[in-house]
Amino acid sequence: MDGYRARRSVLSVPGSSERMLEKSLRLEADEIVIDLEDAVAPEIKDQARAQVAAFLIRRPRTTAGVAVRVNPLASPWGERDLLELVRLAGDQIDSLVVPKVGGPQDVEGVQRLLDAQGDQATGVGLQALIETASGLLHVAGIATASPRLESLILGYADLAASLGRAPGTATPPSWLYAQERLLVAARAAGLEAIDGPYLDIKDPSGLRARAEHVQALGFDGKWAVHPDQLPIINTTFTPTPEQVSRAHAVLHALSSAGGRGAVALDGEMIDEASRKLALQVVARGRAADSEGALQ
């Protein structure tokens, strides 16, 4: 997992709110997603885009990643979002979140536009937001649609509407098919799997249950819609000191095994699968800037 960058917590911030954009610089999120799509009314899309470009140009570099959720290319604003933001602030954008991805062609279209921008778009990655029945059906093809892709994100609100399901009342097991389908596609393509937001900002117990559920499945992180949600999400997706210590012990035992494929460690047989899992734990700890404190 060389080059792995933590996305334990991903905070969505409206691109139309200058106050919230400035506040996001001081928050403990691994990544900030500046939203130009659902969080911005149609009549102020152009104004919000200009404000986001100005913010990106002047913002100081922080440890948090910065992504922008652009409007779909099929909308009146999507192509202009991409072209203007990359032209003005391409070197300040870590990735673009592509919404309403229904198939590989939606990612391929964004990639072609980015490739045409030359050096300004060299470092701009992509994240695909899976939030329609079509996107979920074609998620394996989406995951391999572009070398710029870094993650797949499960978007519950729009997916619920697409499926005819009420998002607020659904329990974790009722989303298990969608979660596992996205997770398998992400892992097969070497991408991160990020869970969508829990919208009830006054229910920390519900947030914790949802976060722990997807973390146990194997997800890398979760979106937040309010800063108060960040501590729970960060804690859930950060390896514990015991987990990191155990991972190092597994790696040491296997490297010292003299070519044997499986060895015993504290009464448990470990092998190549154990090594892969241990590497993931160590990489996540390092990426979350926690490994030094956890060793």
C-alpha atoms as a PDB file:
ATOM      1  CA  MET A   1       0.000   0.000   0.000  1.00  0.00           C
ATOM      2  CA  ASP A   2       2.784   2.404  -0.903  1.00  0.00           C
ATOM      3  CA  GLY A   3       1.487   5.939  -1.347  1.00  0.00           C
ATOM      4  CA  TYR A   4      -1.614   5.236   0.702  1.00  0.00           C
ATOM      5  CA  ARG A   5      -3.164   8.446   2.019  1.00  0.00           C
ATOM      6  CA  ALA A   6      -5.689   8.323   4.811  1.00  0.00           C
ATOM      7  CA  ARG A   7      -9.296   9.200   4.127  1.00  0.00           C
ATOM      8  CA  ARG A   8     -10.597   8.174   7.526  1.00  0.00           C
ATOM      9  CA  SER A   9     -12.769  11.277   7.750  1.00  0.00           C
ATOM     10  CA  VAL A  10     -13.965  13.257   4.741  1.00  0.00           C
ATOM     11  CA  LEU A  11     -15.865  16.453   5.519  1.00  0.00           C
ATOM     12  CA  SER A  12     -18.248  17.841   2.912  1.00  0.00           C
ATOM     13  CA  VAL A  13     -18.284  21.662   2.868  1.00  0.00           C
ATOM     14  CA  PRO A  14     -20.671  23.799   0.764  1.00  0.00           C
ATOM     15  CA  GLY A  15     -18.784  25.744  -1.871  1.00  0.00           C
ATOM     16  CA  SER A  16     -21.257  28.589  -1.470  1.00  0.00           C
ATOM     17  CA  SER A  17     -20.294  29.287   2.158  1.00  0.00           C
ATOM     18  CA  GLU A  18     -17.111  31.322   2.511  1.00  0.00           C
ATOM     19  CA  ARG A  19     -17.354  31.094   6.304  1.00  0.00           C
ATOM     20  CA  MET A  20     -17.451  27.284   6.246  1.00  0.00           C
ATOM     21  CA  LEU A  21     -14.637  27.100   3.722  1.00  0.00           C
ATOM     22  CA  GLU A  22     -12.388  29.170   5.985  1.00  0.00           C
ATOM     23  CA  LYS A  23     -13.398  27.145   9.048  1.00  0.00           C
ATOM     24  CA  SER A  24     -12.554  23.879   7.280  1.00  0.00           C
ATOM     25  CA  LEU A  25      -8.853  24.787   7.380  1.00  0.00           C
ATOM     26  CA  ARG A  26      -8.858  24.339  11.162  1.00  0.00           C
ATOM     27  CA  LEU A  27     -10.737  21.045  11.385  1.00  0.00           C
ATOM     28  CA  GLU A  28      -9.379  17.556  12.016  1.00  0.00           C
ATOM     29  CA  ALA A  29     -10.552  15.973   8.772  1.00  0.00           C
ATOM     30  CA  ASP A  30      -8.235  13.906   6.596  1.00  0.00           C
ATOM     31  CA  GLU A  31      -9.886  15.369   3.522  1.00  0.00           C
ATOM     32  CA  ILE A  32     -12.168  18.296   2.754  1.00  0.00           C
ATOM     33  CA  VAL A  33     -14.607  17.930  -0.135  1.00  0.00           C
ATOM     34  CA  ILE A  34     -15.783  21.315  -1.378  1.00  0.00           C
ATOM     35  CA  ASP A  35     -19.236  20.715  -2.785  1.00  0.00           C
ATOM     36  CA  LEU A  36     -20.384  22.540  -5.906  1.00  0.00           C
ATOM     37  CA  GLU A  37     -23.190  20.089  -6.634  1.00  0.00           C
ATOM     38  CA  ASP A  38     -26.005  19.273  -4.193  1.00  0.00           C
ATOM     39  CA  ALA A  39     -25.045  21.915  -1.627  1.00  0.00           C
ATOM     40  CA  VAL A  40     -25.244  24.816  -4.114  1.00  0.00           C
ATOM     41  CA  ALA A  41     -28.495  26.142  -5.561  1.00  0.00           C
ATOM     42  CA  PRO A  42     -28.619  26.422  -9.381  1.00  0.00           C
ATOM     43  CA  GLU A  43     -28.900  30.204  -9.374  1.00  0.00           C
ATOM     44  CA  ILE A  44     -25.577  30.648  -7.548  1.00  0.00           C
ATOM     45  CA  LYS A  45     -23.509  27.880  -9.176  1.00  0.00           C
ATOM     46  CA  ASP A  46     -21.298  30.313 -11.098  1.00  0.00           C
ATOM     47  CA  GLN A  47     -20.780  32.534  -8.058  1.00  0.00           C
ATOM     48  CA  ALA A  48     -19.879  29.548  -5.889  1.00  0.00           C
ATOM     49  CA  ARG A  49     -17.391  28.262  -8.459  1.00  0.00           C
ATOM     50  CA  ALA A  50     -15.586  31.607  -8.540  1.00  0.00           C
ATOM     51  CA  GLN A  51     -15.535  31.725  -4.743  1.00  0.00           C
ATOM     52  CA  VAL A  52     -14.102  28.204  -4.519  1.00  0.00           C
ATOM     53  CA  ALA A  53     -11.367  29.015  -7.055  1.00  0.00           C
ATOM     54  CA  ALA A  54     -10.381  32.110  -5.053  1.00  0.00           C
ATOM     55  CA  PHE A  55     -10.335  30.076  -1.845  1.00  0.00           C
ATOM     56  CA  LEU A  56      -8.151  27.375  -3.369  1.00  0.00           C
ATOM     57  CA  ILE A  57      -5.666  29.925  -4.693  1.00  0.00           C
ATOM     58  CA  ARG A  58      -5.179  31.691  -1.369  1.00  0.00           C
ATOM     59  CA  ARG A  59      -5.515  28.800   1.085  1.00  0.00           C
ATOM     60  CA  PRO A  60      -2.378  27.680   2.920  1.00  0.00           C
ATOM     61  CA  ARG A  61      -1.238  24.126   2.336  1.00  0.00           C
ATOM     62  CA  THR A  62      -2.398  21.822   5.136  1.00  0.00           C
ATOM     63  CA  THR A  63      -2.022  18.126   5.889  1.00  0.00           C
ATOM     64  CA  ALA A  64      -5.644  17.558   4.893  1.00  0.00           C
ATOM     65  CA  GLY A  65      -6.382  16.657   1.308  1.00  0.00           C
ATOM     66  CA  VAL A  66      -8.668  18.927  -0.701  1.00  0.00           C
ATOM     67  CA  ALA A  67     -11.155  17.623  -3.244  1.00  0.00           C
ATOM     68  CA  VAL A  68     -13.934  19.348  -5.144  1.00  0.00           C
ATOM     69  CA  ARG A  69     -17.238  17.716  -5.961  1.00  0.00           C
ATOM     70  CA  VAL A  70     -18.073  19.134  -9.367  1.00  0.00           C
ATOM     71  CA  ASN A  71     -21.444  18.994 -11.085  1.00  0.00           C
ATOM     72  CA  PRO A  72     -22.072  16.138 -13.545  1.00  0.00           C
ATOM     73  CA  LEU A  73     -20.685  16.753 -17.024  1.00  0.00           C
ATOM     74  CA  ALA A  74     -24.201  16.333 -18.424  1.00  0.00           C
ATOM     75  CA  SER A  75     -25.397  19.319 -16.378  1.00  0.00           C
ATOM     76  CA  PRO A  76     -25.064  22.962 -17.509  1.00  0.00           C
ATOM     77  CA  TRP A  77     -22.218  23.519 -15.024  1.00  0.00           C
ATOM     78  CA  GLY A  78     -20.063  20.376 -14.929  1.00  0.00           C
ATOM     79  CA  GLU A  79     -17.600  21.007 -17.741  1.00  0.00           C
ATOM     80  CA  ARG A  80     -17.163  24.638 -16.718  1.00  0.00           C
ATOM     81  CA  ASP A  81     -16.531  23.575 -13.110  1.00  0.00           C
ATOM     82  CA  LEU A  82     -13.726  21.298 -14.214  1.00  0.00           C
ATOM     83  CA  LEU A  83     -12.101  23.570 -16.771  1.00  0.00           C
ATOM     84  CA  GLU A  84     -12.145  26.782 -14.729  1.00  0.00           C
ATOM     85  CA  LEU A  85     -11.047  25.201 -11.453  1.00  0.00           C
ATOM     86  CA  VAL A  86      -8.165  23.330 -13.067  1.00  0.00           C
ATOM     87  CA  ARG A  87      -7.078  26.370 -15.060  1.00  0.00           C
ATOM     88  CA  LEU A  88      -7.092  28.658 -12.017  1.00  0.00           C
ATOM     89  CA  ALA A  89      -6.120  26.302  -9.195  1.00  0.00           C
ATOM     90  CA  GLY A  90      -5.215  22.898 -10.594  1.00  0.00           C
ATOM     91  CA  ASP A  91      -2.113  22.603  -8.428  1.00  0.00           C
ATOM     92  CA  GLN A  92      -4.254  23.172  -5.307  1.00  0.00           C
ATOM     93  CA  ILE A  93      -6.735  20.371  -6.039  1.00  0.00           C
ATOM     94  CA  ASP A  94      -5.849  16.857  -4.932  1.00  0.00           C
ATOM     95  CA  SER A  95      -8.849  15.244  -6.614  1.00  0.00           C
ATOM     96  CA  LEU A  96     -12.249  15.807  -8.160  1.00  0.00           C
ATOM     97  CA  VAL A  97     -15.280  13.907  -6.881  1.00  0.00           C
ATOM     98  CA  VAL A  98     -17.430  12.866  -9.834  1.00  0.00           C
ATOM     99  CA  PRO A  99     -21.090  12.614  -8.781  1.00  0.00           C
ATOM    100  CA  LYS A 100     -23.909  10.430 -10.122  1.00  0.00           C
ATOM    101  CA  VAL A 101     -21.498   8.039 -11.829  1.00  0.00           C
ATOM    102  CA  GLY A 102     -23.692   5.609 -13.740  1.00  0.00           C
ATOM    103  CA  GLY A 103     -21.041   3.796 -15.747  1.00  0.00           C
ATOM    104  CA  PRO A 104     -17.384   3.877 -16.850  1.00  0.00           C
ATOM    105  CA  GLN A 105     -18.166   6.469 -19.519  1.00  0.00           C
ATOM    106  CA  ASP A 106     -18.877   9.109 -16.858  1.00  0.00           C
ATOM    107  CA  VAL A 107     -15.369   8.737 -15.429  1.00  0.00           C
ATOM    108  CA  GLU A 108     -13.765   8.456 -18.867  1.00  0.00           C
ATOM    109  CA  GLY A 109     -15.341  11.750 -19.927  1.00  0.00           C
ATOM    110  CA  VAL A 110     -13.862  13.569 -16.951  1.00  0.00           C
ATOM    111  CA  GLN A 111     -10.473  11.959 -17.551  1.00  0.00           C
ATOM    112  CA  ARG A 112     -10.405  13.125 -21.173  1.00  0.00           C
ATOM    113  CA  LEU A 113     -11.068  16.703 -20.114  1.00  0.00           C
ATOM    114  CA  LEU A 114      -8.356  16.535 -17.444  1.00  0.00           C
ATOM    115  CA  ASP A 115      -5.816  14.981 -19.809  1.00  0.00           C
ATOM    116  CA  ALA A 116      -6.452  17.800 -22.278  1.00  0.00           C
ATOM    117  CA  GLN A 117      -5.449  20.392 -19.644  1.00  0.00           C
ATOM    118  CA  GLY A 118      -1.817  19.267 -19.639  1.00  0.00           C
ATOM    119  CA  ASP A 119       0.432  20.144 -16.707  1.00  0.00           C
ATOM    120  CA  GLN A 120      -2.279  22.016 -14.814  1.00  0.00           C
ATOM    121  CA  ALA A 121      -4.129  18.749 -14.242  1.00  0.00           C
ATOM    122  CA  THR A 122      -1.162  16.415 -13.777  1.00  0.00           C
ATOM    123  CA  GLY A 123      -1.719  15.901 -10.056  1.00  0.00           C
ATOM    124  CA  VAL A 124      -5.521  15.866 -10.048  1.00  0.00           C
ATOM    125  CA  GLY A 125      -6.968  12.486  -9.079  1.00  0.00           C
ATOM    126  CA  LEU A 126     -10.556  11.301  -9.322  1.00  0.00           C
ATOM    127  CA  GLN A 127     -13.068   9.821  -6.915  1.00  0.00           C
ATOM    128  CA  ALA A 128     -16.279   8.211  -8.152  1.00  0.00           C
ATOM    129  CA  LEU A 129     -19.487   8.745  -6.193  1.00  0.00           C
ATOM    130  CA  ILE A 130     -21.733   5.705  -6.574  1.00  0.00           C
ATOM    131  CA  GLU A 131     -25.255   6.897  -5.825  1.00  0.00           C
ATOM    132  CA  THR A 132     -27.569   5.418  -8.451  1.00  0.00           C
ATOM    133  CA  ALA A 133     -28.825   1.939  -9.266  1.00  0.00           C
ATOM    134  CA  SER A 134     -26.929   2.116 -12.565  1.00  0.00           C
ATOM    135  CA  GLY A 135     -23.711   3.079 -10.805  1.00  0.00           C
ATOM    136  CA  LEU A 136     -24.021   0.211  -8.356  1.00  0.00           C
ATOM    137  CA  LEU A 137     -24.750  -2.228 -11.189  1.00  0.00           C
ATOM    138  CA  HIS A 138     -21.666  -1.120 -13.154  1.00  0.00           C
ATOM    139  CA  VAL A 139     -19.362  -0.422 -10.214  1.00  0.00           C
ATOM    140  CA  ALA A 140     -16.700  -2.969 -11.228  1.00  0.00           C
ATOM    141  CA  GLY A 141     -16.271  -1.307 -14.613  1.00  0.00           C
ATOM    142  CA  ILE A 142     -16.279   2.134 -13.034  1.00  0.00           C
ATOM    143  CA  ALA A 143     -13.463   1.116 -10.683  1.00  0.00           C
ATOM    144  CA  THR A 144     -11.124   0.436 -13.619  1.00  0.00           C
ATOM    145  CA  ALA A 145     -12.249   3.309 -15.869  1.00  0.00           C
ATOM    146  CA  SER A 146      -9.304   5.638 -15.197  1.00  0.00           C
ATOM    147  CA  PRO A 147      -5.775   5.465 -13.790  1.00  0.00           C
ATOM    148  CA  ARG A 148      -6.608   8.717 -11.991  1.00  0.00           C
ATOM    149  CA  LEU A 149      -9.196   6.990  -9.790  1.00  0.00           C
ATOM    150  CA  GLU A 150      -8.332   6.848  -6.099  1.00  0.00           C
ATOM    151  CA  SER A 151     -11.565   5.855  -4.381  1.00  0.00           C
ATOM    152  CA  LEU A 152     -15.167   4.753  -4.697  1.00  0.00           C
ATOM    153  CA  ILE A 153     -17.693   6.492  -2.431  1.00  0.00           C
ATOM    154  CA  LEU A 154     -21.118   5.133  -1.522  1.00  0.00           C
ATOM    155  CA  GLY A 155     -23.722   7.908  -1.570  1.00  0.00           C
ATOM    156  CA  TYR A 156     -26.802   6.881   0.381  1.00  0.00           C
ATOM    157  CA  ALA A 157     -29.310   9.691  -0.139  1.00  0.00           C
ATOM    158  CA  ASP A 158     -29.397   9.635  -3.927  1.00  0.00           C
ATOM    159  CA  LEU A 159     -28.983   5.865  -4.014  1.00  0.00           C
ATOM    160  CA  ALA A 160     -31.976   5.509  -1.711  1.00  0.00           C
ATOM    161  CA  ALA A 161     -34.016   7.680  -4.052  1.00  0.00           C
ATOM    162  CA  SER A 162     -32.828   5.657  -7.032  1.00  0.00           C
ATOM    163  CA  LEU A 163     -33.861   2.436  -5.314  1.00  0.00           C
ATOM    164  CA  GLY A 164     -37.098   3.783  -3.851  1.00  0.00           C
ATOM    165  CA  ARG A 165     -35.822   3.401  -0.289  1.00  0.00           C
ATOM    166  CA  ALA A 166     -36.072   5.774   2.680  1.00  0.00           C
ATOM    167  CA  PRO A 167     -32.455   6.546   3.715  1.00  0.00           C
ATOM    168  CA  GLY A 168     -33.201   7.830   7.207  1.00  0.00           C
ATOM    169  CA  THR A 169     -34.841   4.647   8.465  1.00  0.00           C
ATOM    170  CA  ALA A 170     -32.587   2.061   6.855  1.00  0.00           C
ATOM    171  CA  THR A 171     -30.490  -0.041   9.249  1.00  0.00           C
ATOM    172  CA  PRO A 172     -26.926  -1.096   8.396  1.00  0.00           C
ATOM    173  CA  PRO A 173     -27.887  -4.642   7.267  1.00  0.00           C
ATOM    174  CA  SER A 174     -30.308  -3.244   4.690  1.00  0.00           C
ATOM    175  CA  TRP A 175     -27.370  -1.573   2.873  1.00  0.00           C
ATOM    176  CA  LEU A 176     -25.068  -4.596   3.082  1.00  0.00           C
ATOM    177  CA  TYR A 177     -25.404  -5.582  -0.581  1.00  0.00           C
ATOM    178  CA  ALA A 178     -24.480  -2.107  -1.805  1.00  0.00           C
ATOM    179  CA  GLN A 179     -21.621  -1.795   0.687  1.00  0.00           C
ATOM    180  CA  GLU A 180     -20.060  -5.136  -0.157  1.00  0.00           C
ATOM    181  CA  ARG A 181     -20.501  -4.671  -3.909  1.00  0.00           C
ATOM    182  CA  LEU A 182     -18.684  -1.334  -3.784  1.00  0.00           C
ATOM    183  CA  LEU A 183     -16.010  -2.685  -1.433  1.00  0.00           C
ATOM    184  CA  VAL A 184     -15.199  -5.668  -3.654  1.00  0.00           C
ATOM    185  CA  ALA A 185     -14.962  -3.455  -6.754  1.00  0.00           C
ATOM    186  CA  ALA A 186     -12.694  -0.998  -4.960  1.00  0.00           C
ATOM    187  CA  ARG A 187     -10.369  -3.645  -3.578  1.00  0.00           C
ATOM    188  CA  ALA A 188     -10.133  -5.520  -6.892  1.00  0.00           C
ATOM    189  CA  ALA A 189      -9.017  -2.286  -8.554  1.00  0.00           C
ATOM    190  CA  GLY A 190      -6.679  -1.202  -5.740  1.00  0.00           C
ATOM    191  CA  LEU A 191      -8.870   1.745  -4.693  1.00  0.00           C
ATOM    192  CA  GLU A 192     -10.055   3.062  -1.353  1.00  0.00           C
ATOM    193  CA  ALA A 193     -13.646   2.376  -0.301  1.00  0.00           C
ATOM    194  CA  ILE A 194     -15.294   5.323   1.440  1.00  0.00           C
ATOM    195  CA  ASP A 195     -18.697   5.217   3.122  1.00  0.00           C
ATOM    196  CA  GLY A 196     -21.197   8.022   2.634  1.00  0.00           C
ATOM    197  CA  PRO A 197     -22.413  10.362   5.381  1.00  0.00           C
ATOM    198  CA  TYR A 198     -24.752   9.725   8.276  1.00  0.00           C
ATOM    199  CA  LEU A 199     -27.131  12.659   8.041  1.00  0.00           C
ATOM    200  CA  ASP A 200     -28.500  12.807  11.609  1.00  0.00           C
ATOM    201  CA  ILE A 201     -25.903  15.132  13.127  1.00  0.00           C
ATOM    202  CA  LYS A 202     -27.500  14.934  16.589  1.00  0.00           C
ATOM    203  CA  ASP A 203     -27.228  11.141  16.866  1.00  0.00           C
ATOM    204  CA  PRO A 204     -23.633  10.253  17.747  1.00  0.00           C
ATOM    205  CA  SER A 205     -24.612   6.716  18.762  1.00  0.00           C
ATOM    206  CA  GLY A 206     -26.122   6.092  15.343  1.00  0.00           C
ATOM    207  CA  LEU A 207     -23.053   7.532  13.639  1.00  0.00           C
ATOM    208  CA  ARG A 208     -20.752   5.342  15.702  1.00  0.00           C
ATOM    209  CA  ALA A 209     -22.783   2.230  14.894  1.00  0.00           C
ATOM    210  CA  ARG A 210     -22.706   2.990  11.144  1.00  0.00           C
ATOM    211  CA  ALA A 211     -18.986   3.779  11.200  1.00  0.00           C
ATOM    212  CA  GLU A 212     -18.099   0.651  13.155  1.00  0.00           C
ATOM    213  CA  HIS A 213     -20.239  -1.450  10.822  1.00  0.00           C
ATOM    214  CA  VAL A 214     -18.457  -0.374   7.628  1.00  0.00           C
ATOM    215  CA  GLN A 215     -15.042  -0.339   9.298  1.00  0.00           C
ATOM    216  CA  ALA A 216     -15.571  -3.985  10.233  1.00  0.00           C
ATOM    217  CA  LEU A 217     -16.487  -4.723   6.606  1.00  0.00           C
ATOM    218  CA  GLY A 218     -13.162  -3.238   5.479  1.00  0.00           C
ATOM    219  CA  PHE A 219     -13.974   0.336   4.442  1.00  0.00           C
ATOM    220  CA  ASP A 220     -11.203   2.930   4.729  1.00  0.00           C
ATOM    221  CA  GLY A 221     -13.259   5.887   5.960  1.00  0.00           C
ATOM    222  CA  LYS A 222     -16.520   7.769   6.011  1.00  0.00           C
ATOM    223  CA  TRP A 223     -17.902  11.138   4.933  1.00  0.00           C
ATOM    224  CA  ALA A 224     -19.090  13.673   7.495  1.00  0.00           C
ATOM    225  CA  VAL A 225     -21.571  16.508   7.059  1.00  0.00           C
ATOM    226  CA  HIS A 226     -20.760  18.318  10.316  1.00  0.00           C
ATOM    227  CA  PRO A 227     -17.486  18.939  12.193  1.00  0.00           C
ATOM    228  CA  ASP A 228     -18.911  17.333  15.344  1.00  0.00           C
ATOM    229  CA  GLN A 229     -18.929  13.993  13.532  1.00  0.00           C
ATOM    230  CA  LEU A 230     -15.181  14.009  12.887  1.00  0.00           C
ATOM    231  CA  PRO A 231     -13.881  12.707  16.258  1.00  0.00           C
ATOM    232  CA  ILE A 232     -16.082   9.592  16.142  1.00  0.00           C
ATOM    233  CA  ILE A 233     -15.145   8.834  12.545  1.00  0.00           C
ATOM    234  CA  ASN A 234     -11.424   9.424  13.077  1.00  0.00           C
ATOM    235  CA  THR A 235     -11.365   7.203  16.148  1.00  0.00           C
ATOM    236  CA  THR A 236     -13.274   4.404  14.425  1.00  0.00           C
ATOM    237  CA  PHE A 237     -10.957   4.255  11.417  1.00  0.00           C
ATOM    238  CA  THR A 238      -7.638   4.732  13.227  1.00  0.00           C
ATOM    239  CA  PRO A 239      -5.791   1.511  14.128  1.00  0.00           C
ATOM    240  CA  THR A 240      -5.444   1.055  17.871  1.00  0.00           C
ATOM    241  CA  PRO A 241      -1.993   0.754  19.470  1.00  0.00           C
ATOM    242  CA  GLU A 242      -2.656  -2.955  19.987  1.00  0.00           C
ATOM    243  CA  GLN A 243      -3.561  -3.447  16.329  1.00  0.00           C
ATOM    244  CA  VAL A 244      -0.446  -1.680  15.089  1.00  0.00           C
ATOM    245  CA  SER A 245       1.767  -3.554  17.537  1.00  0.00           C
ATOM    246  CA  ARG A 246       0.250  -6.863  16.463  1.00  0.00           C
ATOM    247  CA  ALA A 247       0.716  -5.972  12.792  1.00  0.00           C
ATOM    248  CA  HIS A 248       4.418  -5.282  13.332  1.00  0.00           C
ATOM    249  CA  ALA A 249       4.761  -8.553  15.226  1.00  0.00           C
ATOM    250  CA  VAL A 250       3.142 -10.451  12.346  1.00  0.00           C
ATOM    251  CA  LEU A 251       5.465  -8.833   9.801  1.00  0.00           C
ATOM    252  CA  HIS A 252       8.525  -9.538  11.939  1.00  0.00           C
ATOM    253  CA  ALA A 253       7.563 -13.176  12.528  1.00  0.00           C
ATOM    254  CA  LEU A 254       7.003 -13.832   8.839  1.00  0.00           C
ATOM    255  CA  SER A 255      10.196 -12.060   7.737  1.00  0.00           C
ATOM    256  CA  SER A 256      12.134 -14.187  10.217  1.00  0.00           C
ATOM    257  CA  ALA A 257      10.500 -17.448   9.156  1.00  0.00           C
ATOM    258  CA  GLY A 258      13.315 -18.507   6.841  1.00  0.00           C
ATOM    259  CA  GLY A 259      11.134 -19.091   3.826  1.00  0.00           C
ATOM    260  CA  ARG A 260       8.380 -21.017   5.605  1.00  0.00           C
ATOM    261  CA  GLY A 261       4.946 -20.066   4.310  1.00  0.00           C
ATOM    262  CA  ALA A 262       3.185 -20.261   7.664  1.00  0.00           C
ATOM    263  CA  VAL A 263       4.420 -19.855  11.224  1.00  0.00           C
ATOM    264  CA  ALA A 264       2.911 -19.706  14.681  1.00  0.00           C
ATOM    265  CA  LEU A 265       2.637 -16.420  16.577  1.00  0.00           C
ATOM    266  CA  ASP A 266       1.221 -16.463  20.099  1.00  0.00           C
ATOM    267  CA  GLY A 267      -0.550 -19.737  19.380  1.00  0.00           C
ATOM    268  CA  GLU A 268      -2.063 -18.545  16.062  1.00  0.00           C
ATOM    269  CA  MET A 269      -0.985 -19.669  12.617  1.00  0.00           C
ATOM    270  CA  ILE A 270      -0.131 -16.753  10.330  1.00  0.00           C
ATOM    271  CA  ASP A 271       0.683 -16.769   6.616  1.00  0.00           C
ATOM    272  CA  GLU A 272       0.751 -14.593   3.488  1.00  0.00           C
ATOM    273  CA  ALA A 273      -2.832 -13.443   4.013  1.00  0.00           C
ATOM    274  CA  SER A 274      -1.853 -12.346   7.520  1.00  0.00           C
ATOM    275  CA  ARG A 275       1.062 -10.382   6.068  1.00  0.00           C
ATOM    276  CA  LYS A 276      -1.202  -8.518   3.648  1.00  0.00           C
ATOM    277  CA  LEU A 277      -3.617  -7.579   6.412  1.00  0.00           C
ATOM    278  CA  ALA A 278      -0.745  -6.457   8.640  1.00  0.00           C
ATOM    279  CA  LEU A 279       0.653  -4.244   5.881  1.00  0.00           C
ATOM    280  CA  GLN A 280      -2.739  -2.571   5.543  1.00  0.00           C
ATOM    281  CA  VAL A 281      -2.893  -1.827   9.265  1.00  0.00           C
ATOM    282  CA  VAL A 282       0.627  -0.366   9.275  1.00  0.00           C
ATOM    283  CA  ALA A 283      -0.072   1.721   6.159  1.00  0.00           C
ATOM    284  CA  ARG A 284      -3.318   3.078   7.602  1.00  0.00           C
ATOM    285  CA  GLY A 285      -1.599   3.948  10.839  1.00  0.00           C
ATOM    286  CA  ARG A 286       1.209   5.738   9.024  1.00  0.00           C
ATOM    287  CA  ALA A 287      -1.148   7.547   6.684  1.00  0.00           C
ATOM    288  CA  ALA A 288      -3.296   8.711   9.592  1.00  0.00           C
ATOM    289  CA  ASP A 289      -0.134  10.086  11.226  1.00  0.00           C
ATOM    290  CA  SER A 290      -0.643   7.703  14.100  1.00  0.00           C
ATOM    291  CA  GLU A 291       2.010   5.050  13.676  1.00  0.00           C
ATOM    292  CA  GLY A 292       4.741   6.904  15.504  1.00  0.00           C
ATOM    293  CA  ALA A 293       2.558   7.302  18.560  1.00  0.00           C
ATOM    294  CA  LEU A 294       1.233   3.771  18.330  1.00  0.00           C
ATOM    295  CA  GLN A 295       4.489   1.854  18.121  1.00  0.00           C
END
